[in-house]
Amino acid sequence: MGSRRSEAMASSLVTGINHAMARLVDIWDSIGIMEDQRIERMQTVKKYIEDLLTDMISEEESLRHRIKTNIITTQKQLETLCLELSVEPYKLEEDLTVLQMEKNLRFRLETLLKEKSERMKELNDLRQQDEELCVTLCATPYYIPSGSMPSRTQLQELKEHIEKLSEEKESRVKVFSGLREDIRNLMDEMGHEPETSLEKESVCSDTDIFLLTHENIKALKLLLSQLQMKKDSLILTRDKLKDRAMSLWNRLSCPEQEAAEFKQEALNTLSDEIRRWQNVVERLEVLQRAKLEEVIDKVRQELVVLWDKCMFGPEQREAFGAHFCDNNYTEELLSLHDCELLKVKEFYDTARPLLESVEKWEKNWALFQDFERKAADPNRFSNRGGALLKESKDRAKVQKLLPKLEEELKVRVEAWEKNQGSPFLMKGQGIMEYISKQWEEHRMQKDKEKNERMSKKADNSQFKTPVKRAHGQANSGVTPSKIRKTPNQASLRTTTMSSCTSSVSSTFLCVPGKPPLSAKRTKTAETCPVPRTPLQEFNTDKKPTAISYSDFTNELSRKASHDAVLNSTVKDML
């Protein structure tokens, strides 16, 4: 493409010179310059053009020589830089022009010079960082010979070394700062005053008082764990006192205006909180001793509620029955009730996930039984608005969920009994035993309802004798009323019977599901023959013969032309 453009440019140059010479000739003709003068002038033009081209050629030759010289110089510099920077020598691509070679070499040289400068600058920065970190952490600096150009590998290793030291320093500073802050916060929360030298140094505002050593970190961690244990103990004491105060307040039915103590905001320290609740408990216990009977009765009510929540059976409740029915109201009896209440509360807290699973199963079991009752109600088919479809979907969902819940309960009960070392009872019996009993009672109830329906069905199985339609009724102007089918009404069907002594057939209604009528009950007095439809002709008890649909329609037309009566509907004769 480039050669074609240059050729076109050269051709254009020649053409331009020719046009210029032609214009000169025209000018000379108009002036009247003679031939000798014309030749002289043309030689002048020729010499001018030749000199111009000669100068241009010389300049281009000089440029080519200069470029070649630069290539040689650049190659030598590149070899030296490659050795210093420990990189592979640069190789020129093949079939490149001199100008392209010079450009590629110059660009590569500039890149390596820039990399050399960056490496030296980076080395100085990294060395300074390494020295500072090593002084802080008492570590050994990374060794690189002085005055040498570091390789990329050495710089990378130095970076990794500095990163490790920086991470270690950051980690230690973070640990020290976090430990000291946690210790300070714990002491403030508990209202604890520093006693030992370590406690005093840990809350000191001077950050440089601790050296960043592992021994100091271990000492601070041990102190923090001790303070945390003390805080947990204080919180537990406070919560017990608060729960005790709330329980006493509810038992004593204190006036609402006296509940201000329970609505007060928490005090600044745990020690203050404990002292506050201790005073409240002591005051309420004094009131409790004056109302023992009322308090014990309320504790018994709480016990009954918790027993119900824990699904305790009579045997489990009977263990405390002697004290529960004791009417000798004493502080000892109250103490026994409090201990029992505390024991049941602990059981409820431990078994709460399992009890929630049982409650979920009972809820779905109740839904399942409700759906079973609705399924036995014939009036449910008269519902509109998609209620029946929604009921069907909900029922399928519950039927699918119940087995999953039972399997989940079984696994949870086994795990609970394994951990606790005692059986988990629900209303005095095992969970799976209770569920199996519920299913068995449901099955027995279904069988009982089925037997009742069968007995009622046998009592109502009498039918009225079918009545034949009069001959003239078929041709009357009154259209027989059609029987409307509803979901609650048994479908009706027509049955054709013929006696062996007469070809008269009678059409009557029969309810499906009922036993067929006997021959004696279906026998009726002989009446005038009733014309039959073509379909009835083909439905007789004679031996069937093969017939096509066209034959059937022809026979239907023939019967219609002889005034045959076509019974399209059946009037309810029952």
Protein backbone atom coordinates (compact mmCIF):
# COMPACT_ATOMS: atom_id res chain seq x y z
CA MET A 1 0.00 0.00 0.00
CA GLY A 2 2.86 2.39 0.90
CA SER A 3 4.79 1.57 -2.30
CA ARG A 4 1.73 2.32 -4.44
CA ARG A 5 1.30 5.70 -2.73
CA SER A 6 4.97 6.61 -3.24
CA GLU A 7 4.79 5.55 -6.90
CA ALA A 8 1.71 7.68 -7.34
CA MET A 9 3.49 10.59 -5.65
CA ALA A 10 6.51 10.20 -7.97
CA SER A 11 4.24 10.07 -11.00
CA SER A 12 2.46 13.17 -9.74
CA LEU A 13 5.85 14.91 -9.31
CA VAL A 14 6.82 14.11 -12.89
CA THR A 15 3.45 15.26 -14.12
CA GLY A 16 3.82 18.49 -12.16
CA ILE A 17 7.23 19.17 -13.69
CA ASN A 18 5.82 18.52 -17.16
CA HIS A 19 2.91 20.92 -16.55
CA ALA A 20 5.33 23.50 -15.21
CA MET A 21 7.54 23.17 -18.29
CA ALA A 22 4.50 23.41 -20.54
CA ARG A 23 3.42 26.64 -18.82
CA LEU A 24 6.97 28.00 -19.19
CA VAL A 25 6.88 27.21 -22.90
CA ASP A 26 3.52 28.96 -23.23
CA ILE A 27 4.89 31.98 -21.42
CA TRP A 28 7.95 32.00 -23.62
CA ASP A 29 5.78 31.76 -26.73
CA SER A 30 3.65 34.68 -25.64
CA ILE A 31 6.77 36.72 -24.91
CA GLY A 32 8.41 35.72 -28.19
CA ILE A 33 11.59 34.22 -26.77
CA MET A 34 13.73 32.56 -29.44
CA GLU A 35 14.74 28.88 -29.41
CA ASP A 36 18.30 29.45 -28.27
CA GLN A 37 17.14 31.43 -25.30
CA ARG A 38 14.55 28.80 -24.56
CA ILE A 39 17.19 26.08 -24.43
CA GLU A 40 19.32 28.20 -22.17
CA ARG A 41 16.44 28.83 -19.82
CA MET A 42 15.51 25.14 -19.79
CA GLN A 43 19.08 24.23 -18.83
CA THR A 44 18.86 26.69 -15.97
CA VAL A 45 15.66 25.02 -14.75
CA LYS A 46 17.23 21.59 -15.09
CA LYS A 47 20.32 22.59 -13.13
CA TYR A 48 18.23 24.11 -10.37
CA ILE A 49 16.17 20.95 -9.99
CA GLU A 50 19.25 18.70 -10.09
CA ASP A 51 21.05 20.74 -7.43
CA LEU A 52 17.98 20.64 -5.23
CA LEU A 53 17.68 16.90 -5.52
CA THR A 54 21.40 16.42 -4.92
CA ASP A 55 21.20 18.41 -1.66
CA MET A 56 18.23 16.39 -0.51
CA ILE A 57 20.00 13.12 -1.28
CA SER A 58 23.05 14.24 0.68
CA GLU A 59 20.95 15.15 3.68
CA GLU A 60 19.15 11.81 3.64
CA GLU A 61 22.46 9.95 3.35
CA SER A 62 23.72 11.82 6.37
CA LEU A 63 20.56 10.96 8.26
CA ARG A 64 20.97 7.27 7.49
CA HIS A 65 24.57 7.31 8.68
CA ARG A 66 23.56 9.10 11.87
CA ILE A 67 20.83 6.58 12.55
CA LYS A 68 23.21 3.65 12.11
CA THR A 69 25.68 5.25 14.48
CA ASN A 70 22.94 5.72 17.07
CA ILE A 71 21.96 2.09 16.72
CA ILE A 72 25.45 0.93 17.53
CA THR A 73 25.75 3.26 20.53
CA THR A 74 22.34 2.33 21.88
CA GLN A 75 23.06 -1.37 21.60
CA LYS A 76 26.22 -0.97 23.71
CA GLN A 77 24.34 0.97 26.38
CA LEU A 78 21.59 -1.64 26.43
CA GLU A 79 24.08 -4.44 26.97
CA THR A 80 25.55 -2.64 29.97
CA LEU A 81 22.12 -1.88 31.50
CA CYS A 82 20.92 -5.44 31.03
CA LEU A 83 23.89 -6.71 32.97
CA GLU A 84 23.35 -4.19 35.78
CA LEU A 85 19.63 -4.83 36.05
CA SER A 86 19.97 -8.60 35.63
CA VAL A 87 17.58 -8.74 32.70
CA GLU A 88 17.85 -10.63 29.44
CA PRO A 89 19.61 -8.89 26.53
CA TYR A 90 17.33 -7.11 24.12
CA LYS A 91 16.88 -8.84 20.76
CA LEU A 92 15.73 -6.94 17.70
CA GLU A 93 13.05 -8.34 15.52
CA GLU A 94 13.93 -9.51 12.02
CA ASP A 95 13.13 -7.68 8.76
CA LEU A 96 13.09 -4.24 10.40
CA THR A 97 14.17 -1.05 8.65
CA VAL A 98 16.99 1.04 10.03
CA LEU A 99 14.59 3.66 11.31
CA GLN A 100 12.43 1.06 13.08
CA MET A 101 15.53 -0.54 14.62
CA GLU A 102 16.74 2.81 15.95
CA LYS A 103 13.31 3.65 17.35
CA ASN A 104 12.90 0.28 19.13
CA LEU A 105 16.39 0.40 20.62
CA ARG A 106 15.94 3.97 21.82
CA PHE A 107 12.61 3.13 23.46
CA ARG A 108 14.09 0.08 25.20
CA LEU A 109 17.05 2.13 26.44
CA GLU A 110 14.77 4.78 27.90
CA THR A 111 12.71 2.08 29.62
CA LEU A 112 15.74 0.49 31.26
CA LEU A 113 17.15 3.83 32.37
CA LYS A 114 13.84 4.68 33.97
CA GLU A 115 13.72 1.28 35.67
CA LYS A 116 17.27 1.77 36.99
CA SER A 117 16.34 5.12 38.49
CA GLU A 118 13.17 3.69 40.03
CA ARG A 119 15.02 0.74 41.51
CA MET A 120 17.57 2.93 43.21
CA LYS A 121 14.89 5.21 44.60
CA GLU A 122 12.80 2.25 45.74
CA LEU A 123 15.85 0.62 47.35
CA ASN A 124 16.58 3.72 49.39
CA ASP A 125 12.97 4.01 50.57
CA LEU A 126 12.72 0.34 51.45
CA ARG A 127 15.99 0.39 53.36
CA GLN A 128 14.80 3.31 55.45
CA GLN A 129 11.51 1.54 56.27
CA ASP A 130 13.31 -1.70 57.07
CA GLU A 131 15.70 0.00 59.48
CA GLU A 132 12.88 1.75 61.35
CA LEU A 133 10.84 -1.45 61.74
CA CYS A 134 13.83 -3.48 62.83
CA VAL A 135 14.66 -0.93 65.52
CA THR A 136 11.05 -0.98 66.74
CA LEU A 137 10.71 -4.76 66.74
CA CYS A 138 14.34 -5.63 67.49
CA ALA A 139 14.62 -7.59 64.23
CA THR A 140 17.50 -8.14 61.74
CA PRO A 141 17.52 -5.90 58.60
CA TYR A 142 17.45 -7.44 55.13
CA TYR A 143 20.96 -7.56 53.61
CA ILE A 144 21.73 -6.02 50.18
CA PRO A 145 25.38 -5.15 49.30
CA SER A 146 26.02 -1.41 49.29
CA GLY A 147 26.68 0.25 45.89
CA SER A 148 25.20 -2.61 43.90
CA MET A 149 22.12 -2.49 41.71
CA PRO A 150 19.42 -4.66 43.34
CA SER A 151 17.66 -7.19 41.18
CA ARG A 152 13.89 -7.49 40.98
CA THR A 153 14.03 -10.60 43.15
CA GLN A 154 15.99 -8.80 45.84
CA LEU A 155 13.60 -5.87 45.84
CA GLN A 156 10.63 -8.21 46.05
CA GLU A 157 12.15 -10.11 48.95
CA LEU A 158 12.89 -6.82 50.71
CA LYS A 159 9.26 -5.74 50.20
CA GLU A 160 7.97 -9.01 51.64
CA HIS A 161 10.32 -8.65 54.59
CA ILE A 162 9.05 -5.13 55.27
CA GLU A 163 5.41 -6.25 54.85
CA LYS A 164 5.90 -9.00 57.42
CA LEU A 165 7.49 -6.60 59.87
CA SER A 166 4.73 -4.03 59.28
CA GLU A 167 2.01 -6.63 59.80
CA GLU A 168 3.70 -7.85 62.96
CA LYS A 169 3.99 -4.32 64.28
CA GLU A 170 0.39 -3.49 63.37
CA SER A 171 -0.81 -6.72 64.94
CA ARG A 172 1.09 -6.10 68.16
CA VAL A 173 -0.03 -2.48 68.37
CA LYS A 174 -3.62 -3.50 67.72
CA VAL A 175 -3.45 -6.23 70.34
CA PHE A 176 -1.86 -3.92 72.91
CA SER A 177 -4.32 -1.10 72.22
CA GLY A 178 -7.30 -3.45 72.25
CA LEU A 179 -6.26 -5.16 75.46
CA ARG A 180 -5.61 -1.91 77.27
CA GLU A 181 -8.90 -0.43 76.06
CA ASP A 182 -10.84 -3.54 77.10
CA ILE A 183 -9.19 -3.58 80.51
CA ARG A 184 -9.95 0.10 81.01
CA ASN A 185 -13.62 -0.37 79.96
CA LEU A 186 -14.05 -3.41 82.22
CA MET A 187 -12.69 -1.57 85.21
CA ASP A 188 -15.01 1.37 84.49
CA GLU A 189 -18.05 -0.91 84.09
CA MET A 190 -17.37 -2.76 87.32
CA GLY A 191 -16.26 0.27 89.29
CA HIS A 192 -12.98 -1.51 89.98
CA GLU A 193 -9.95 0.49 91.08
CA PRO A 194 -6.48 -0.62 89.81
CA GLU A 195 -4.57 -2.43 92.53
CA THR A 196 -1.50 -4.15 91.07
CA SER A 197 1.28 -2.48 89.09
CA LEU A 198 0.17 -4.25 85.92
CA GLU A 199 -3.37 -2.92 86.31
CA LYS A 200 -2.07 0.59 86.88
CA GLU A 201 0.23 0.45 83.83
CA SER A 202 -2.55 -0.98 81.64
CA VAL A 203 -4.85 2.00 82.27
CA CYS A 204 -2.04 4.57 81.95
CA SER A 205 -2.45 7.03 79.07
CA ASP A 206 1.21 6.73 78.01
CA THR A 207 1.26 4.41 74.96
CA ASP A 208 5.03 3.87 75.07
CA ILE A 209 5.08 2.47 78.57
CA PHE A 210 4.74 -1.09 77.23
CA LEU A 211 7.28 -2.77 74.98
CA LEU A 212 5.79 -4.70 72.06
CA THR A 213 6.83 -8.14 73.35
CA HIS A 214 4.91 -11.41 73.48
CA GLU A 215 5.41 -11.63 77.24
CA ASN A 216 3.64 -8.33 77.80
CA ILE A 217 0.79 -9.42 75.52
CA LYS A 218 0.32 -12.63 77.50
CA ALA A 219 0.29 -10.72 80.78
CA LEU A 220 -2.39 -8.31 79.52
CA LYS A 221 -4.51 -11.18 78.16
CA LEU A 222 -4.39 -12.95 81.51
CA LEU A 223 -5.41 -9.76 83.32
CA LEU A 224 -8.27 -9.21 80.86
CA SER A 225 -9.61 -12.75 81.33
CA GLN A 226 -9.54 -12.34 85.11
CA LEU A 227 -11.44 -9.06 84.89
CA GLN A 228 -13.95 -10.57 82.44
CA MET A 229 -14.64 -13.46 84.82
CA LYS A 230 -15.18 -10.99 87.61
CA LYS A 231 -17.55 -8.96 85.43
CA ASP A 232 -19.55 -12.07 84.46
CA SER A 233 -19.85 -12.97 88.12
CA LEU A 234 -21.09 -9.48 88.96
CA ILE A 235 -23.59 -9.51 86.08
CA LEU A 236 -24.91 -12.90 87.17
CA THR A 237 -25.28 -11.64 90.73
CA ARG A 238 -27.06 -8.51 89.56
CA ASP A 239 -29.42 -10.42 87.25
CA LYS A 240 -30.30 -12.89 90.00
CA LEU A 241 -31.04 -10.05 92.39
CA LYS A 242 -33.10 -8.26 89.74
CA ASP A 243 -35.08 -11.40 88.86
CA ARG A 244 -35.61 -12.06 92.54
CA ALA A 245 -36.85 -8.51 93.04
CA MET A 246 -39.20 -8.74 90.04
CA SER A 247 -40.57 -12.07 91.25
CA LEU A 248 -41.15 -10.74 94.74
CA TRP A 249 -42.76 -7.60 93.39
CA ASN A 250 -45.19 -9.60 91.23
CA ARG A 251 -46.00 -12.00 94.06
CA LEU A 252 -46.68 -9.23 96.51
CA SER A 253 -48.85 -7.32 94.00
CA CYS A 254 -47.16 -4.08 94.90
CA PRO A 255 -48.90 -0.88 93.76
CA GLU A 256 -47.96 0.48 90.34
CA GLN A 257 -46.57 3.67 91.81
CA GLU A 258 -43.94 1.61 93.65
CA ALA A 259 -42.64 0.14 90.39
CA ALA A 260 -40.51 3.21 89.73
CA GLU A 261 -37.47 1.37 91.04
CA PHE A 262 -37.71 -1.16 88.23
CA LYS A 263 -38.00 1.53 85.57
CA GLN A 264 -34.96 3.47 86.65
CA GLU A 265 -32.03 3.61 84.29
CA ALA A 266 -28.98 1.50 85.04
CA LEU A 267 -26.36 3.09 87.21
CA ASN A 268 -22.81 3.79 86.09
CA THR A 269 -21.11 0.68 87.54
CA LEU A 270 -22.07 -2.91 88.26
CA SER A 271 -21.11 -2.53 91.89
CA ASP A 272 -23.64 0.29 92.29
CA GLU A 273 -26.29 -1.79 90.49
CA ILE A 274 -25.71 -4.77 92.79
CA ARG A 275 -26.00 -2.62 95.90
CA ARG A 276 -29.18 -1.07 94.58
CA TRP A 277 -30.93 -4.38 93.81
CA GLN A 278 -29.69 -5.92 97.03
CA ASN A 279 -31.50 -3.19 98.96
CA VAL A 280 -34.68 -3.74 96.90
CA VAL A 281 -34.64 -7.51 97.51
CA GLU A 282 -34.10 -7.10 101.24
CA ARG A 283 -37.02 -4.68 101.50
CA LEU A 284 -39.36 -6.95 99.48
CA GLU A 285 -38.39 -10.04 101.46
CA VAL A 286 -39.45 -8.27 104.61
CA LEU A 287 -42.86 -7.64 103.01
CA GLN A 288 -43.01 -11.24 101.78
CA ARG A 289 -42.67 -12.71 105.25
CA ALA A 290 -45.80 -10.80 106.21
CA LYS A 291 -47.81 -12.31 103.30
CA LEU A 292 -46.63 -15.93 103.13
CA GLU A 293 -49.99 -17.50 102.22
CA GLU A 294 -50.66 -15.12 99.35
CA VAL A 295 -47.11 -15.44 98.03
CA ILE A 296 -47.08 -19.26 98.14
CA ASP A 297 -50.39 -19.39 96.27
CA LYS A 298 -48.95 -17.20 93.53
CA VAL A 299 -45.83 -19.37 93.34
CA ARG A 300 -48.09 -22.39 92.90
CA GLN A 301 -49.89 -20.63 90.05
CA GLU A 302 -46.56 -19.95 88.39
CA LEU A 303 -45.64 -23.60 88.86
CA VAL A 304 -48.85 -24.77 87.15
CA VAL A 305 -48.20 -22.45 84.20
CA LEU A 306 -44.64 -23.73 83.84
CA TRP A 307 -45.73 -27.36 84.20
CA ASP A 308 -48.17 -26.81 81.37
CA LYS A 309 -45.48 -25.18 79.23
CA CYS A 310 -43.14 -28.09 79.92
CA MET A 311 -46.00 -30.57 79.21
CA PHE A 312 -45.45 -32.39 82.49
CA GLY A 313 -47.72 -35.35 83.16
CA PRO A 314 -49.45 -36.22 86.45
CA GLU A 315 -46.56 -38.42 87.60
CA GLN A 316 -44.03 -35.63 87.07
CA ARG A 317 -46.19 -33.16 88.98
CA GLU A 318 -46.92 -35.69 91.75
CA ALA A 319 -43.26 -35.57 92.85
CA PHE A 320 -43.96 -32.13 94.32
CA GLY A 321 -47.57 -32.90 95.23
CA ALA A 322 -47.03 -33.20 98.97
CA HIS A 323 -45.58 -29.69 99.21
CA PHE A 324 -48.00 -28.31 96.64
CA CYS A 325 -51.00 -29.34 98.76
CA ASP A 326 -49.43 -28.40 102.10
CA ASN A 327 -51.50 -25.74 103.83
CA ASN A 328 -48.95 -25.04 106.56
CA TYR A 329 -47.58 -21.76 105.15
CA THR A 330 -44.07 -21.25 106.41
CA GLU A 331 -40.87 -19.73 105.09
CA GLU A 332 -39.47 -23.24 104.63
CA LEU A 333 -42.46 -24.17 102.45
CA LEU A 334 -41.93 -21.00 100.41
CA SER A 335 -38.27 -21.90 100.00
CA LEU A 336 -39.23 -25.36 98.71
CA HIS A 337 -41.63 -23.79 96.22
CA ASP A 338 -38.95 -21.36 95.06
CA CYS A 339 -36.49 -24.22 94.54
CA GLU A 340 -39.06 -26.20 92.53
CA LEU A 341 -39.92 -23.13 90.47
CA LEU A 342 -36.26 -22.52 89.75
CA LYS A 343 -35.75 -26.17 88.75
CA VAL A 344 -38.70 -26.13 86.35
CA LYS A 345 -37.55 -22.82 84.85
CA GLU A 346 -34.10 -24.29 84.21
CA PHE A 347 -35.70 -27.33 82.57
CA TYR A 348 -37.88 -25.09 80.41
CA ASP A 349 -34.90 -22.99 79.30
CA THR A 350 -32.92 -26.13 78.46
CA ALA A 351 -35.74 -27.89 76.59
CA ARG A 352 -37.26 -24.80 74.95
CA PRO A 353 -36.19 -25.68 71.35
CA LEU A 354 -37.62 -29.18 71.77
CA LEU A 355 -40.84 -27.87 73.33
CA GLU A 356 -41.24 -25.39 70.48
CA SER A 357 -40.92 -28.27 68.00
CA VAL A 358 -43.59 -30.21 69.90
CA GLU A 359 -45.85 -27.17 69.89
CA LYS A 360 -45.32 -26.78 66.13
CA TRP A 361 -46.29 -30.43 65.59
CA GLU A 362 -49.42 -30.08 67.73
CA LYS A 363 -50.43 -26.99 65.79
CA ASN A 364 -50.11 -28.81 62.45
CA TRP A 365 -51.81 -31.88 63.93
CA ALA A 366 -54.79 -29.72 64.88
CA LEU A 367 -54.88 -28.32 61.34
CA PHE A 368 -54.75 -31.85 59.94
CA GLN A 369 -57.69 -32.96 62.09
CA ASP A 370 -59.61 -29.84 61.10
CA PHE A 371 -59.07 -30.64 57.42
CA GLU A 372 -60.22 -34.21 58.05
CA ARG A 373 -63.46 -32.90 59.59
CA LYS A 374 -64.01 -30.54 56.67
CA ALA A 375 -63.44 -33.37 54.20
CA ALA A 376 -66.35 -35.28 55.77
CA ASP A 377 -68.69 -32.29 55.44
CA PRO A 378 -70.75 -32.55 52.21
CA ASN A 379 -71.63 -28.86 52.29
CA ARG A 380 -68.06 -27.85 51.57
CA PHE A 381 -68.63 -28.40 47.81
CA SER A 382 -71.06 -25.50 47.74
CA ASN A 383 -68.28 -23.03 48.65
CA ARG A 384 -67.37 -20.46 46.05
CA GLY A 385 -64.37 -18.25 45.39
CA GLY A 386 -61.65 -20.95 45.28
CA ALA A 387 -62.00 -21.85 48.97
CA LEU A 388 -62.10 -25.57 48.15
CA LEU A 389 -58.91 -25.34 46.08
CA LYS A 390 -57.12 -23.42 48.83
CA GLU A 391 -58.28 -25.97 51.39
CA SER A 392 -56.93 -28.78 49.21
CA LYS A 393 -53.53 -27.09 48.87
CA ASP A 394 -53.29 -26.37 52.61
CA ARG A 395 -54.27 -29.95 53.42
CA ALA A 396 -51.59 -31.36 51.12
CA LYS A 397 -49.05 -29.03 52.66
CA VAL A 398 -49.91 -30.14 56.20
CA GLN A 399 -49.87 -33.84 55.22
CA LYS A 400 -46.41 -33.37 53.76
CA LEU A 401 -45.11 -31.40 56.74
CA LEU A 402 -46.29 -33.73 59.53
CA PRO A 403 -43.90 -36.64 58.73
CA LYS A 404 -40.96 -34.22 58.53
CA LEU A 405 -41.82 -32.71 61.91
CA GLU A 406 -42.15 -36.16 63.47
CA GLU A 407 -38.79 -37.24 62.10
CA GLU A 408 -37.21 -34.02 63.34
CA LEU A 409 -38.77 -34.55 66.77
CA LYS A 410 -37.45 -38.08 66.93
CA VAL A 411 -33.89 -36.95 66.19
CA ARG A 412 -34.07 -34.07 68.68
CA VAL A 413 -35.52 -36.21 71.44
CA GLU A 414 -32.81 -38.84 70.98
CA ALA A 415 -30.10 -36.17 71.12
CA TRP A 416 -31.67 -34.54 74.18
CA GLU A 417 -32.02 -37.83 76.05
CA LYS A 418 -28.44 -38.74 75.18
CA ASN A 419 -27.12 -35.41 76.50
CA GLN A 420 -29.35 -35.26 79.60
CA GLY A 421 -29.26 -38.95 80.44
CA SER A 422 -33.00 -39.05 81.15
CA PRO A 423 -36.14 -39.66 79.05
CA PHE A 424 -38.08 -36.70 77.68
CA LEU A 425 -41.74 -37.14 78.58
CA MET A 426 -44.74 -35.38 77.13
CA LYS A 427 -47.81 -35.54 79.36
CA GLY A 428 -46.36 -38.56 81.11
CA GLN A 429 -45.31 -40.54 78.04
CA GLY A 430 -42.62 -40.55 75.38
CA ILE A 431 -42.91 -38.18 72.44
CA MET A 432 -43.09 -40.88 69.76
CA GLU A 433 -45.44 -42.93 71.91
CA TYR A 434 -47.70 -39.89 72.31
CA ILE A 435 -47.65 -39.22 68.53
CA SER A 436 -48.38 -42.87 67.73
CA LYS A 437 -51.28 -42.81 70.17
CA GLN A 438 -52.70 -39.70 68.49
CA TRP A 439 -52.53 -41.39 65.08
CA GLU A 440 -54.15 -44.53 66.47
CA GLU A 441 -57.01 -42.54 68.02
CA HIS A 442 -57.46 -40.71 64.73
CA ARG A 443 -57.63 -44.00 62.83
CA MET A 444 -60.15 -45.46 65.29
CA GLN A 445 -62.29 -42.33 64.99
CA LYS A 446 -62.22 -42.62 61.19
CA ASP A 447 -63.24 -46.27 61.38
CA LYS A 448 -66.06 -45.40 63.77
CA GLU A 449 -67.37 -42.68 61.44
CA LYS A 450 -67.11 -45.04 58.49
CA ASN A 451 -69.12 -47.73 60.29
CA GLU A 452 -71.75 -45.16 61.22
CA ARG A 453 -72.05 -44.04 57.59
CA MET A 454 -72.35 -47.64 56.40
CA SER A 455 -75.11 -48.34 58.95
CA LYS A 456 -77.01 -45.23 57.95
CA LYS A 457 -76.53 -46.10 54.29
CA ALA A 458 -77.95 -49.62 54.81
CA ASP A 459 -81.01 -48.18 56.61
CA ASN A 460 -81.76 -45.77 53.73
CA SER A 461 -81.18 -48.24 50.85
CA GLN A 462 -84.94 -48.69 49.89
CA PHE A 463 -85.96 -47.42 46.44
CA LYS A 464 -89.35 -46.48 45.00
CA THR A 465 -90.69 -48.56 42.05
CA PRO A 466 -89.90 -46.80 38.77
CA VAL A 467 -92.93 -45.41 36.91
CA LYS A 468 -93.05 -45.58 33.15
CA ARG A 469 -93.77 -42.54 31.06
CA ALA A 470 -97.17 -42.39 29.37
CA HIS A 471 -97.24 -42.79 25.59
CA GLY A 472 -98.71 -39.40 24.92
CA GLN A 473 -96.33 -37.57 27.18
CA ALA A 474 -93.46 -37.81 24.75
CA ASN A 475 -95.32 -35.83 22.08
CA SER A 476 -96.76 -33.19 24.46
CA GLY A 477 -95.68 -29.58 24.15
CA VAL A 478 -94.26 -29.49 27.67
CA THR A 479 -90.54 -30.11 27.80
CA PRO A 480 -89.56 -32.55 30.55
CA SER A 481 -87.58 -30.86 33.31
CA LYS A 482 -83.92 -31.79 33.33
CA ILE A 483 -82.19 -33.06 36.45
CA ARG A 484 -79.52 -30.69 37.67
CA LYS A 485 -76.38 -32.36 38.94
CA THR A 486 -74.71 -30.90 42.00
CA PRO A 487 -71.61 -32.03 43.86
CA ASN A 488 -73.80 -33.10 46.82
CA GLN A 489 -76.29 -35.06 44.72
CA ALA A 490 -75.61 -38.57 43.52
CA SER A 491 -75.38 -38.82 39.71
CA LEU A 492 -78.24 -40.50 37.97
CA ARG A 493 -78.12 -43.07 35.22
CA THR A 494 -80.68 -44.78 33.06
CA THR A 495 -80.92 -48.51 32.99
CA THR A 496 -82.84 -50.45 30.43
CA MET A 497 -84.33 -53.79 31.46
CA SER A 498 -86.27 -56.24 29.32
CA SER A 499 -88.30 -59.24 30.40
CA CYS A 500 -88.00 -62.62 28.77
CA THR A 501 -91.72 -62.72 27.91
CA SER A 502 -92.10 -59.24 26.43
CA SER A 503 -90.10 -56.94 24.20
CA VAL A 504 -91.27 -53.91 26.17
CA SER A 505 -88.43 -52.02 27.83
CA SER A 506 -88.77 -49.57 30.70
CA THR A 507 -86.39 -46.73 31.52
CA PHE A 508 -85.87 -45.85 35.19
CA LEU A 509 -83.47 -43.99 37.45
CA CYS A 510 -80.82 -45.66 39.55
CA VAL A 511 -78.46 -44.23 42.17
CA PRO A 512 -74.86 -45.48 41.77
CA GLY A 513 -73.33 -47.17 44.73
CA LYS A 514 -76.60 -48.80 45.82
CA PRO A 515 -77.19 -52.55 45.42
CA PRO A 516 -79.13 -53.44 42.21
CA LEU A 517 -82.87 -54.02 42.53
CA SER A 518 -84.05 -57.63 42.46
CA ALA A 519 -86.04 -59.04 39.61
CA LYS A 520 -89.22 -59.21 41.78
CA ARG A 521 -89.03 -55.51 42.70
CA THR A 522 -88.36 -54.39 39.11
CA LYS A 523 -91.23 -56.39 37.64
CA THR A 524 -94.18 -54.11 36.82
CA ALA A 525 -97.59 -54.49 35.26
CA GLU A 526 -97.66 -54.76 31.45
CA THR A 527 -98.59 -51.56 29.71
CA CYS A 528 -98.71 -50.40 26.14
CA PRO A 529 -95.35 -50.59 24.42
CA VAL A 530 -93.41 -47.33 24.53
CA PRO A 531 -91.58 -46.37 21.31
CA ARG A 532 -87.84 -46.59 21.73
CA THR A 533 -85.06 -44.41 20.34
CA PRO A 534 -82.55 -45.78 17.83
CA LEU A 535 -79.93 -45.77 20.57
CA GLN A 536 -82.21 -47.98 22.69
CA GLU A 537 -82.69 -50.28 19.71
CA PHE A 538 -78.96 -50.84 19.56
CA ASN A 539 -78.64 -51.18 23.34
CA THR A 540 -80.91 -54.25 23.66
CA ASP A 541 -79.64 -57.49 25.07
CA LYS A 542 -79.43 -59.03 21.59
CA LYS A 543 -76.14 -60.09 20.17
CA PRO A 544 -74.31 -56.96 19.06
CA THR A 545 -73.41 -56.58 15.41
CA ALA A 546 -70.77 -54.38 13.87
CA ILE A 547 -72.20 -51.07 12.71
CA SER A 548 -70.68 -47.89 11.28
CA TYR A 549 -71.53 -44.37 12.26
CA SER A 550 -73.19 -43.73 8.84
CA ASP A 551 -75.44 -46.76 9.37
CA PHE A 552 -76.34 -45.44 12.81
CA THR A 553 -77.33 -42.00 11.43
CA ASN A 554 -79.36 -43.57 8.60
CA GLU A 555 -81.25 -45.72 11.07
CA LEU A 556 -81.80 -42.66 13.25
CA SER A 557 -83.34 -40.78 10.29
CA ARG A 558 -85.54 -43.73 9.39
CA LYS A 559 -86.91 -44.03 12.90
CA ALA A 560 -87.57 -40.29 13.04
CA SER A 561 -89.56 -40.45 9.76
CA HIS A 562 -91.89 -43.09 11.34
CA ASP A 563 -92.83 -40.77 14.24
CA ALA A 564 -90.54 -42.43 16.71
CA VAL A 565 -90.18 -40.70 20.08
CA LEU A 566 -86.60 -39.64 20.88
CA ASN A 567 -86.06 -39.39 24.64
CA SER A 568 -83.25 -36.86 25.06
CA THR A 569 -83.94 -36.31 28.73
CA VAL A 570 -85.25 -38.41 31.57
CA LYS A 571 -87.78 -37.02 33.96
CA ASP A 572 -87.24 -37.67 37.61
CA MET A 573 -89.84 -40.28 38.54
CA LEU A 574 -88.63 -40.95 42.07
